[in-house]
Amino acid sequence: MSENSEAPDTGAAPGSTTPGPQPEPLRFFGTTWVDHSGGYGLRRVGASAGSLAAAVAACFVLRFAYQGLEIADVGGFVGILVVLMFAICSAIAFRKTWEGFSRRPADPAREANLRGLKTIGFVGSLIAYFLRTFREAPGEQLHRTEYETALARYEKRRSARTGNPAARRTTKGKRPKRK
């Protein structure tokens, strides 16, 4: 959620006309996830097809790499290790990517350490992205929850500040006037 703290008392994001928190854009979807406008459905279909096509292409590349190992005659043990490595890394990348769609990582440093592993298992990430597009834009649930929370906080702050505080007259805590 982006609440512009530098803007003077308007709460509006730069370049926007609406005050308050602004939704974060999602990759390939922009801010169309908020109200499902601007070709949101077509974007989901396109993202789904694109991620599936990329996963299939990646599997072909991995197959060619495996055939290269067979041609090099490195042995069955190395071939099994390579297949296991890609399978395990893909499973971990799938799980971490899937979890990342619904909640922020608790430990960003740990996520940074897993970046290499997720890179090796990129097929798992692509499949997670493909499957998530059937339900929603990947990450929409997380961003929607954060956006609605920020809107509620903004409205609560906004309603608490209505009126001119200098015009309020309270007798409690004021000193009596001297004569």
N, C-alpha and C. Protein backbone atom coordinates (compact mmCIF):
# COMPACT_ATOMS: atom_id res chain seq x y z
N MET A 1 0.82 -1.16 0.00
CA MET A 1 0.00 0.00 0.00
C MET A 1 0.87 1.22 0.00
N SER A 2 0.49 2.18 -0.76
CA SER A 2 1.29 3.38 -0.82
C SER A 2 0.50 4.54 -0.25
N GLU A 3 0.94 4.98 0.90
CA GLU A 3 0.39 6.19 1.48
C GLU A 3 1.51 7.20 1.41
N ASN A 4 1.28 8.25 0.68
CA ASN A 4 2.32 9.23 0.46
C ASN A 4 2.45 10.11 1.68
N SER A 5 3.51 9.91 2.45
CA SER A 5 3.69 10.69 3.66
C SER A 5 4.33 12.04 3.38
N GLU A 6 4.89 12.23 2.20
CA GLU A 6 5.50 13.51 1.87
C GLU A 6 4.48 14.55 1.42
N ALA A 7 3.34 14.11 0.95
CA ALA A 7 2.33 15.04 0.45
C ALA A 7 1.74 15.82 1.62
N PRO A 8 1.54 17.12 1.45
CA PRO A 8 1.06 17.94 2.55
C PRO A 8 -0.42 17.70 2.84
N ASP A 9 -0.73 16.86 3.83
CA ASP A 9 -2.05 16.69 4.41
C ASP A 9 -3.15 16.21 3.47
N THR A 10 -2.87 15.93 2.21
CA THR A 10 -3.94 15.48 1.31
C THR A 10 -4.06 13.97 1.33
N GLY A 11 -2.96 13.27 1.55
CA GLY A 11 -3.01 11.82 1.54
C GLY A 11 -3.03 11.25 0.13
N ALA A 12 -2.96 12.11 -0.88
CA ALA A 12 -3.05 11.65 -2.26
C ALA A 12 -1.68 11.26 -2.78
N ALA A 13 -1.66 10.27 -3.61
CA ALA A 13 -0.42 9.85 -4.25
C ALA A 13 -0.09 10.84 -5.35
N PRO A 14 1.19 10.96 -5.70
CA PRO A 14 1.57 11.90 -6.75
C PRO A 14 0.88 11.57 -8.07
N GLY A 15 0.29 12.56 -8.69
CA GLY A 15 -0.34 12.37 -9.99
C GLY A 15 -1.76 11.84 -9.91
N SER A 16 -2.28 11.62 -8.71
CA SER A 16 -3.64 11.12 -8.60
C SER A 16 -4.55 12.23 -8.09
N THR A 17 -5.82 12.10 -8.41
CA THR A 17 -6.78 13.11 -7.97
C THR A 17 -7.56 12.66 -6.75
N THR A 18 -7.46 11.39 -6.39
CA THR A 18 -8.19 10.89 -5.24
C THR A 18 -7.30 10.91 -4.01
N PRO A 19 -7.83 11.45 -2.91
CA PRO A 19 -7.04 11.42 -1.69
C PRO A 19 -7.07 10.02 -1.08
N GLY A 20 -6.09 9.75 -0.26
CA GLY A 20 -6.06 8.47 0.44
C GLY A 20 -5.06 7.52 -0.16
N PRO A 21 -5.02 6.32 0.39
CA PRO A 21 -4.07 5.32 -0.10
C PRO A 21 -4.40 4.88 -1.52
N GLN A 22 -3.38 4.60 -2.29
CA GLN A 22 -3.54 4.17 -3.67
C GLN A 22 -3.14 2.70 -3.78
N PRO A 23 -3.83 1.93 -4.62
CA PRO A 23 -3.48 0.51 -4.76
C PRO A 23 -2.15 0.33 -5.47
N GLU A 24 -1.43 -0.70 -5.05
CA GLU A 24 -0.17 -1.04 -5.71
C GLU A 24 -0.47 -1.78 -7.00
N PRO A 25 0.22 -1.46 -8.07
CA PRO A 25 -0.01 -2.21 -9.31
C PRO A 25 0.62 -3.61 -9.24
N LEU A 26 -0.06 -4.56 -9.84
CA LEU A 26 0.45 -5.92 -9.96
C LEU A 26 1.09 -6.09 -11.33
N ARG A 27 2.09 -6.95 -11.40
CA ARG A 27 2.74 -7.21 -12.68
C ARG A 27 1.72 -7.77 -13.67
N PHE A 28 1.70 -7.21 -14.86
CA PHE A 28 0.81 -7.57 -15.97
C PHE A 28 -0.64 -7.09 -15.78
N PHE A 29 -0.99 -6.61 -14.59
CA PHE A 29 -2.38 -6.23 -14.33
C PHE A 29 -2.54 -4.76 -13.95
N GLY A 30 -1.47 -4.10 -13.58
CA GLY A 30 -1.58 -2.72 -13.15
C GLY A 30 -2.49 -2.64 -11.94
N THR A 31 -3.42 -1.68 -11.96
CA THR A 31 -4.38 -1.57 -10.86
C THR A 31 -5.77 -2.03 -11.30
N THR A 32 -5.86 -2.78 -12.39
CA THR A 32 -7.16 -3.28 -12.84
C THR A 32 -7.73 -4.31 -11.88
N TRP A 33 -6.93 -4.85 -10.99
CA TRP A 33 -7.40 -5.85 -10.04
C TRP A 33 -8.35 -5.25 -9.01
N VAL A 34 -8.33 -3.94 -8.83
CA VAL A 34 -9.18 -3.32 -7.82
C VAL A 34 -10.65 -3.49 -8.16
N ASP A 35 -11.02 -3.12 -9.38
CA ASP A 35 -12.43 -3.22 -9.77
C ASP A 35 -12.66 -4.12 -10.98
N HIS A 36 -11.64 -4.89 -11.35
CA HIS A 36 -11.72 -5.86 -12.46
C HIS A 36 -12.16 -5.18 -13.76
N SER A 37 -11.57 -4.02 -14.02
CA SER A 37 -11.88 -3.30 -15.25
C SER A 37 -10.66 -3.29 -16.15
N GLY A 38 -10.79 -2.66 -17.31
CA GLY A 38 -9.64 -2.49 -18.21
C GLY A 38 -9.10 -3.78 -18.77
N GLY A 39 -9.96 -4.72 -19.10
CA GLY A 39 -9.50 -5.97 -19.70
C GLY A 39 -8.90 -6.93 -18.70
N TYR A 40 -9.35 -6.87 -17.47
CA TYR A 40 -8.82 -7.73 -16.41
C TYR A 40 -8.93 -9.21 -16.78
N GLY A 41 -10.08 -9.62 -17.28
CA GLY A 41 -10.28 -11.02 -17.65
C GLY A 41 -9.33 -11.46 -18.75
N LEU A 42 -9.18 -10.61 -19.76
CA LEU A 42 -8.25 -10.93 -20.85
C LEU A 42 -6.81 -10.98 -20.36
N ARG A 43 -6.48 -10.11 -19.44
CA ARG A 43 -5.13 -10.13 -18.89
C ARG A 43 -4.87 -11.42 -18.13
N ARG A 44 -5.88 -11.90 -17.39
CA ARG A 44 -5.71 -13.17 -16.67
C ARG A 44 -5.53 -14.32 -17.64
N VAL A 45 -6.31 -14.33 -18.71
CA VAL A 45 -6.16 -15.40 -19.71
C VAL A 45 -4.78 -15.32 -20.36
N GLY A 46 -4.35 -14.10 -20.68
CA GLY A 46 -3.03 -13.92 -21.29
C GLY A 46 -1.90 -14.32 -20.36
N ALA A 47 -2.01 -13.94 -19.08
CA ALA A 47 -0.98 -14.31 -18.11
C ALA A 47 -0.95 -15.82 -17.91
N SER A 48 -2.11 -16.43 -17.89
CA SER A 48 -2.18 -17.87 -17.73
C SER A 48 -1.53 -18.59 -18.92
N ALA A 49 -1.92 -18.18 -20.12
CA ALA A 49 -1.36 -18.81 -21.33
C ALA A 49 0.14 -18.54 -21.43
N GLY A 50 0.55 -17.34 -21.10
CA GLY A 50 1.98 -17.00 -21.17
C GLY A 50 2.82 -17.78 -20.19
N SER A 51 2.33 -17.93 -18.96
CA SER A 51 3.11 -18.67 -17.98
C SER A 51 3.15 -20.16 -18.31
N LEU A 52 2.05 -20.69 -18.85
CA LEU A 52 2.07 -22.10 -19.27
C LEU A 52 3.02 -22.31 -20.44
N ALA A 53 2.99 -21.41 -21.41
CA ALA A 53 3.90 -21.52 -22.56
C ALA A 53 5.36 -21.42 -22.12
N ALA A 54 5.63 -20.51 -21.17
CA ALA A 54 7.00 -20.38 -20.67
C ALA A 54 7.43 -21.63 -19.91
N ALA A 55 6.51 -22.24 -19.14
CA ALA A 55 6.85 -23.46 -18.41
C ALA A 55 7.14 -24.61 -19.37
N VAL A 56 6.34 -24.72 -20.44
CA VAL A 56 6.56 -25.78 -21.43
C VAL A 56 7.90 -25.56 -22.14
N ALA A 57 8.17 -24.32 -22.52
CA ALA A 57 9.45 -24.01 -23.18
C ALA A 57 10.62 -24.31 -22.25
N ALA A 58 10.46 -23.99 -20.96
CA ALA A 58 11.52 -24.26 -19.99
C ALA A 58 11.76 -25.76 -19.84
N CYS A 59 10.70 -26.54 -19.88
CA CYS A 59 10.86 -28.01 -19.81
C CYS A 59 11.61 -28.54 -21.02
N PHE A 60 11.35 -27.96 -22.20
CA PHE A 60 12.10 -28.37 -23.38
C PHE A 60 13.58 -28.01 -23.25
N VAL A 61 13.87 -26.85 -22.72
CA VAL A 61 15.27 -26.45 -22.52
C VAL A 61 15.95 -27.40 -21.54
N LEU A 62 15.25 -27.74 -20.46
CA LEU A 62 15.82 -28.68 -19.49
C LEU A 62 16.02 -30.06 -20.11
N ARG A 63 15.12 -30.45 -20.98
CA ARG A 63 15.27 -31.74 -21.66
C ARG A 63 16.50 -31.74 -22.56
N PHE A 64 16.71 -30.63 -23.26
CA PHE A 64 17.89 -30.53 -24.13
C PHE A 64 19.17 -30.55 -23.28
N ALA A 65 19.13 -29.92 -22.12
CA ALA A 65 20.29 -29.94 -21.23
C ALA A 65 20.56 -31.37 -20.75
N TYR A 66 19.51 -32.09 -20.43
CA TYR A 66 19.68 -33.48 -19.99
C TYR A 66 20.24 -34.35 -21.12
N GLN A 67 19.75 -34.10 -22.34
CA GLN A 67 20.29 -34.84 -23.49
C GLN A 67 21.76 -34.52 -23.70
N GLY A 68 22.14 -33.29 -23.41
CA GLY A 68 23.56 -32.92 -23.49
C GLY A 68 24.39 -33.70 -22.49
N LEU A 69 23.84 -33.92 -21.31
CA LEU A 69 24.54 -34.74 -20.31
C LEU A 69 24.66 -36.18 -20.78
N GLU A 70 23.63 -36.69 -21.43
CA GLU A 70 23.69 -38.06 -21.95
C GLU A 70 24.73 -38.18 -23.06
N ILE A 71 24.77 -37.16 -23.92
CA ILE A 71 25.76 -37.18 -25.01
C ILE A 71 27.17 -37.12 -24.44
N ALA A 72 27.35 -36.32 -23.37
CA ALA A 72 28.67 -36.20 -22.74
C ALA A 72 29.05 -37.47 -21.97
N ASP A 73 28.09 -38.36 -21.79
CA ASP A 73 28.31 -39.64 -21.11
C ASP A 73 28.94 -39.44 -19.73
N VAL A 74 28.26 -38.61 -18.92
CA VAL A 74 28.76 -38.34 -17.58
C VAL A 74 28.37 -39.42 -16.58
N GLY A 75 27.45 -40.27 -16.95
CA GLY A 75 27.06 -41.37 -16.07
C GLY A 75 25.65 -41.19 -15.55
N GLY A 76 25.10 -42.30 -15.13
CA GLY A 76 23.72 -42.30 -14.65
C GLY A 76 23.54 -41.57 -13.33
N PHE A 77 24.56 -41.63 -12.47
CA PHE A 77 24.46 -40.99 -11.17
C PHE A 77 24.31 -39.47 -11.30
N VAL A 78 25.09 -38.87 -12.17
CA VAL A 78 25.02 -37.42 -12.38
C VAL A 78 23.68 -37.05 -13.00
N GLY A 79 23.21 -37.86 -13.92
CA GLY A 79 21.90 -37.60 -14.53
C GLY A 79 20.78 -37.62 -13.50
N ILE A 80 20.84 -38.60 -12.60
CA ILE A 80 19.83 -38.69 -11.54
C ILE A 80 19.92 -37.50 -10.61
N LEU A 81 21.14 -37.10 -10.26
CA LEU A 81 21.31 -35.93 -9.40
C LEU A 81 20.75 -34.66 -10.03
N VAL A 82 20.96 -34.48 -11.31
CA VAL A 82 20.45 -33.29 -12.01
C VAL A 82 18.93 -33.30 -12.02
N VAL A 83 18.34 -34.44 -12.32
CA VAL A 83 16.88 -34.52 -12.34
C VAL A 83 16.32 -34.27 -10.95
N LEU A 84 16.90 -34.87 -9.92
CA LEU A 84 16.45 -34.65 -8.55
C LEU A 84 16.60 -33.19 -8.13
N MET A 85 17.73 -32.58 -8.51
CA MET A 85 17.96 -31.19 -8.15
C MET A 85 16.87 -30.29 -8.74
N PHE A 86 16.58 -30.46 -10.02
CA PHE A 86 15.55 -29.63 -10.64
C PHE A 86 14.16 -29.93 -10.08
N ALA A 87 13.89 -31.19 -9.76
CA ALA A 87 12.58 -31.54 -9.21
C ALA A 87 12.40 -30.94 -7.81
N ILE A 88 13.39 -31.07 -6.96
CA ILE A 88 13.30 -30.53 -5.60
C ILE A 88 13.26 -29.01 -5.63
N CYS A 89 14.11 -28.39 -6.42
CA CYS A 89 14.12 -26.93 -6.50
C CYS A 89 12.81 -26.40 -7.09
N SER A 90 12.23 -27.11 -8.05
CA SER A 90 10.95 -26.69 -8.61
C SER A 90 9.84 -26.81 -7.58
N ALA A 91 9.86 -27.87 -6.78
CA ALA A 91 8.84 -28.04 -5.74
C ALA A 91 8.94 -26.93 -4.69
N ILE A 92 10.16 -26.61 -4.28
CA ILE A 92 10.36 -25.52 -3.30
C ILE A 92 9.96 -24.18 -3.89
N ALA A 93 10.34 -23.94 -5.14
CA ALA A 93 9.98 -22.67 -5.80
C ALA A 93 8.47 -22.55 -5.95
N PHE A 94 7.80 -23.66 -6.29
CA PHE A 94 6.34 -23.65 -6.39
C PHE A 94 5.72 -23.25 -5.06
N ARG A 95 6.16 -23.90 -3.99
CA ARG A 95 5.59 -23.65 -2.67
C ARG A 95 5.83 -22.21 -2.22
N LYS A 96 7.04 -21.73 -2.37
CA LYS A 96 7.36 -20.36 -1.95
C LYS A 96 6.63 -19.32 -2.81
N THR A 97 6.51 -19.58 -4.08
CA THR A 97 5.78 -18.65 -4.96
C THR A 97 4.31 -18.65 -4.59
N TRP A 98 3.74 -19.81 -4.36
CA TRP A 98 2.33 -19.92 -4.00
C TRP A 98 2.05 -19.20 -2.68
N GLU A 99 2.92 -19.39 -1.70
CA GLU A 99 2.77 -18.70 -0.41
C GLU A 99 2.91 -17.19 -0.57
N GLY A 100 3.77 -16.77 -1.48
CA GLY A 100 3.99 -15.35 -1.70
C GLY A 100 2.79 -14.62 -2.28
N PHE A 101 1.85 -15.37 -2.85
CA PHE A 101 0.64 -14.76 -3.39
C PHE A 101 -0.35 -14.38 -2.29
N SER A 102 -0.25 -15.01 -1.12
CA SER A 102 -1.24 -14.76 -0.08
C SER A 102 -0.70 -14.06 1.16
N ARG A 103 0.61 -14.00 1.32
CA ARG A 103 1.17 -13.29 2.48
C ARG A 103 2.59 -12.85 2.19
N ARG A 104 2.98 -11.80 2.89
CA ARG A 104 4.34 -11.29 2.77
C ARG A 104 5.28 -12.21 3.53
N PRO A 105 6.53 -12.33 3.07
CA PRO A 105 7.47 -13.20 3.78
C PRO A 105 7.77 -12.63 5.17
N ALA A 106 7.85 -13.52 6.15
CA ALA A 106 8.14 -13.10 7.52
C ALA A 106 9.59 -12.64 7.65
N ASP A 107 10.48 -13.30 6.92
CA ASP A 107 11.90 -12.97 7.01
C ASP A 107 12.44 -12.68 5.60
N PRO A 108 12.55 -11.42 5.22
CA PRO A 108 13.04 -11.08 3.88
C PRO A 108 14.47 -11.57 3.62
N ALA A 109 15.29 -11.66 4.65
CA ALA A 109 16.66 -12.14 4.45
C ALA A 109 16.65 -13.61 4.04
N ARG A 110 15.76 -14.39 4.63
CA ARG A 110 15.66 -15.81 4.26
C ARG A 110 15.18 -15.94 2.82
N GLU A 111 14.23 -15.10 2.44
CA GLU A 111 13.74 -15.12 1.05
C GLU A 111 14.86 -14.76 0.08
N ALA A 112 15.71 -13.83 0.47
CA ALA A 112 16.84 -13.46 -0.39
C ALA A 112 17.81 -14.63 -0.52
N ASN A 113 17.99 -15.41 0.54
CA ASN A 113 18.87 -16.58 0.48
C ASN A 113 18.29 -17.67 -0.42
N LEU A 114 16.97 -17.73 -0.52
CA LEU A 114 16.33 -18.75 -1.35
C LEU A 114 16.21 -18.33 -2.81
N ARG A 115 16.65 -17.14 -3.15
CA ARG A 115 16.50 -16.64 -4.52
C ARG A 115 17.20 -17.53 -5.55
N GLY A 116 18.39 -18.00 -5.23
CA GLY A 116 19.12 -18.88 -6.15
C GLY A 116 18.40 -20.21 -6.36
N LEU A 117 17.88 -20.75 -5.26
CA LEU A 117 17.15 -22.00 -5.34
C LEU A 117 15.88 -21.83 -6.17
N LYS A 118 15.19 -20.70 -5.98
CA LYS A 118 13.99 -20.43 -6.76
C LYS A 118 14.32 -20.17 -8.23
N THR A 119 15.50 -19.68 -8.49
CA THR A 119 15.92 -19.48 -9.88
C THR A 119 16.14 -20.83 -10.57
N ILE A 120 16.75 -21.75 -9.86
CA ILE A 120 16.96 -23.09 -10.44
C ILE A 120 15.61 -23.77 -10.67
N GLY A 121 14.67 -23.59 -9.74
CA GLY A 121 13.36 -24.22 -9.86
C GLY A 121 12.33 -23.31 -10.50
N PHE A 122 12.74 -22.54 -11.49
CA PHE A 122 11.86 -21.56 -12.13
C PHE A 122 10.62 -22.21 -12.75
N VAL A 123 10.68 -23.47 -13.11
CA VAL A 123 9.51 -24.15 -13.68
C VAL A 123 8.39 -24.22 -12.63
N GLY A 124 8.75 -24.47 -11.39
CA GLY A 124 7.77 -24.50 -10.32
C GLY A 124 7.10 -23.15 -10.12
N SER A 125 7.86 -22.07 -10.22
CA SER A 125 7.29 -20.73 -10.09
C SER A 125 6.34 -20.44 -11.23
N LEU A 126 6.70 -20.84 -12.43
CA LEU A 126 5.83 -20.61 -13.58
C LEU A 126 4.52 -21.40 -13.46
N ILE A 127 4.61 -22.61 -12.97
CA ILE A 127 3.40 -23.42 -12.80
C ILE A 127 2.52 -22.84 -11.70
N ALA A 128 3.12 -22.34 -10.63
CA ALA A 128 2.33 -21.69 -9.56
C ALA A 128 1.62 -20.46 -10.11
N TYR A 129 2.31 -19.69 -10.92
CA TYR A 129 1.70 -18.50 -11.52
C TYR A 129 0.54 -18.91 -12.43
N PHE A 130 0.77 -19.96 -13.23
CA PHE A 130 -0.27 -20.45 -14.13
C PHE A 130 -1.51 -20.89 -13.35
N LEU A 131 -1.32 -21.67 -12.31
CA LEU A 131 -2.46 -22.17 -11.54
C LEU A 131 -3.19 -21.05 -10.78
N ARG A 132 -2.45 -20.06 -10.30
CA ARG A 132 -3.07 -18.98 -9.53
C ARG A 132 -3.95 -18.09 -10.42
N THR A 133 -3.62 -17.99 -11.70
CA THR A 133 -4.41 -17.13 -12.58
C THR A 133 -5.81 -17.68 -12.82
N PHE A 134 -6.05 -18.94 -12.49
CA PHE A 134 -7.42 -19.47 -12.61
C PHE A 134 -8.33 -18.90 -11.53
N ARG A 135 -7.76 -18.55 -10.39
CA ARG A 135 -8.55 -18.04 -9.27
C ARG A 135 -8.61 -16.52 -9.26
N GLU A 136 -7.46 -15.88 -9.48
CA GLU A 136 -7.35 -14.42 -9.41
C GLU A 136 -6.03 -14.01 -10.05
N ALA A 137 -5.83 -12.71 -10.11
CA ALA A 137 -4.52 -12.24 -10.52
C ALA A 137 -3.54 -12.62 -9.41
N PRO A 138 -2.39 -13.20 -9.75
CA PRO A 138 -1.46 -13.62 -8.71
C PRO A 138 -1.06 -12.45 -7.80
N GLY A 139 -1.33 -12.61 -6.52
CA GLY A 139 -1.04 -11.57 -5.55
C GLY A 139 -2.22 -10.65 -5.26
N GLU A 140 -3.34 -10.85 -5.96
CA GLU A 140 -4.50 -9.97 -5.79
C GLU A 140 -5.05 -10.04 -4.37
N GLN A 141 -5.17 -11.22 -3.81
CA GLN A 141 -5.72 -11.37 -2.48
C GLN A 141 -4.90 -10.60 -1.45
N LEU A 142 -3.60 -10.72 -1.51
CA LEU A 142 -2.70 -10.03 -0.59
C LEU A 142 -2.83 -8.52 -0.74
N HIS A 143 -2.77 -8.05 -1.99
CA HIS A 143 -2.86 -6.61 -2.23
C HIS A 143 -4.23 -6.06 -1.87
N ARG A 144 -5.28 -6.83 -2.13
CA ARG A 144 -6.64 -6.37 -1.79
C ARG A 144 -6.79 -6.23 -0.27
N THR A 145 -6.29 -7.21 0.47
CA THR A 145 -6.37 -7.14 1.93
C THR A 145 -5.61 -5.93 2.46
N GLU A 146 -4.40 -5.71 1.96
CA GLU A 146 -3.61 -4.57 2.41
C GLU A 146 -4.27 -3.24 2.01
N TYR A 147 -4.83 -3.19 0.81
CA TYR A 147 -5.48 -1.97 0.33
C TYR A 147 -6.72 -1.65 1.16
N GLU A 148 -7.55 -2.66 1.43
CA GLU A 148 -8.75 -2.43 2.23
C GLU A 148 -8.40 -2.03 3.66
N THR A 149 -7.34 -2.61 4.22
CA THR A 149 -6.89 -2.22 5.55
C THR A 149 -6.42 -0.77 5.56
N ALA A 150 -5.65 -0.40 4.55
CA ALA A 150 -5.16 0.98 4.46
C ALA A 150 -6.31 1.96 4.27
N LEU A 151 -7.31 1.59 3.46
CA LEU A 151 -8.47 2.45 3.28
C LEU A 151 -9.24 2.63 4.59
N ALA A 152 -9.41 1.55 5.34
CA ALA A 152 -10.12 1.62 6.62
C ALA A 152 -9.36 2.52 7.60
N ARG A 153 -8.03 2.36 7.66
CA ARG A 153 -7.22 3.22 8.54
C ARG A 153 -7.32 4.67 8.12
N TYR A 154 -7.28 4.91 6.82
CA TYR A 154 -7.36 6.28 6.30
C TYR A 154 -8.71 6.90 6.65
N GLU A 155 -9.79 6.15 6.45
CA GLU A 155 -11.12 6.68 6.77
C GLU A 155 -11.27 6.95 8.26
N LYS A 156 -10.69 6.08 9.07
CA LYS A 156 -10.76 6.28 10.52
C LYS A 156 -10.00 7.54 10.92
N ARG A 157 -8.81 7.72 10.39
CA ARG A 157 -8.03 8.93 10.68
C ARG A 157 -8.74 10.16 10.16
N ARG A 158 -9.29 10.04 8.98
CA ARG A 158 -9.96 11.17 8.33
C ARG A 158 -11.19 11.60 9.13
N SER A 159 -11.98 10.65 9.59
CA SER A 159 -13.18 10.99 10.33
C SER A 159 -12.85 11.54 11.71
N ALA A 160 -11.73 11.14 12.27
CA ALA A 160 -11.33 11.65 13.59
C ALA A 160 -10.84 13.09 13.51
N ARG A 161 -10.46 13.58 12.32
CA ARG A 161 -9.90 14.91 12.19
C ARG A 161 -10.89 15.93 11.63
N THR A 162 -12.15 15.60 11.53
CA THR A 162 -13.08 16.54 10.91
C THR A 162 -13.29 17.75 11.80
N GLY A 163 -13.49 18.88 11.17
CA GLY A 163 -13.74 20.12 11.90
C GLY A 163 -12.46 20.86 12.22
N ASN A 164 -12.63 22.06 12.70
CA ASN A 164 -11.52 22.91 13.06
C ASN A 164 -11.26 22.76 14.55
N PRO A 165 -10.12 22.22 14.95
CA PRO A 165 -9.88 22.02 16.37
C PRO A 165 -9.78 23.33 17.15
N ALA A 166 -9.40 24.42 16.50
CA ALA A 166 -9.30 25.70 17.20
C ALA A 166 -10.67 26.25 17.54
N ALA A 167 -11.68 25.87 16.80
CA ALA A 167 -13.02 26.37 17.04
C ALA A 167 -13.72 25.63 18.17
N ARG A 168 -13.20 24.50 18.58
CA ARG A 168 -13.82 23.73 19.65
C ARG A 168 -13.57 24.42 20.99
N ARG A 169 -14.62 24.51 21.76
CA ARG A 169 -14.51 25.12 23.09
C ARG A 169 -14.77 24.03 24.12
N THR A 170 -13.75 23.75 24.89
CA THR A 170 -13.95 22.80 25.98
C THR A 170 -13.62 23.50 27.28
N THR A 171 -14.42 23.29 28.27
CA THR A 171 -14.19 23.91 29.57
C THR A 171 -13.25 23.08 30.41
N LYS A 172 -13.15 21.81 30.09
CA LYS A 172 -12.31 20.93 30.87
C LYS A 172 -10.84 21.24 30.61
N GLY A 173 -10.10 21.51 31.62
CA GLY A 173 -8.67 21.73 31.49
C GLY A 173 -8.31 23.17 31.18
N LYS A 174 -9.25 24.08 31.01
CA LYS A 174 -8.93 25.47 30.74
C LYS A 174 -8.82 26.25 32.03
N ARG A 175 -7.97 27.25 32.03
CA ARG A 175 -7.83 28.11 33.20
C ARG A 175 -8.96 29.16 33.19
N PRO A 176 -9.43 29.48 34.35
CA PRO A 176 -10.43 30.57 34.39
C PRO A 176 -9.76 31.89 34.07
N LYS A 177 -10.52 32.79 33.43
CA LYS A 177 -9.98 34.09 33.05
C LYS A 177 -9.80 34.97 34.28
N ARG A 178 -8.72 35.78 34.28
CA ARG A 178 -8.46 36.70 35.38
C ARG A 178 -9.21 37.98 35.16
N LYS A 179 -9.60 38.58 36.25
CA LYS A 179 -10.31 39.85 36.17
C LYS A 179 -9.46 41.00 36.54
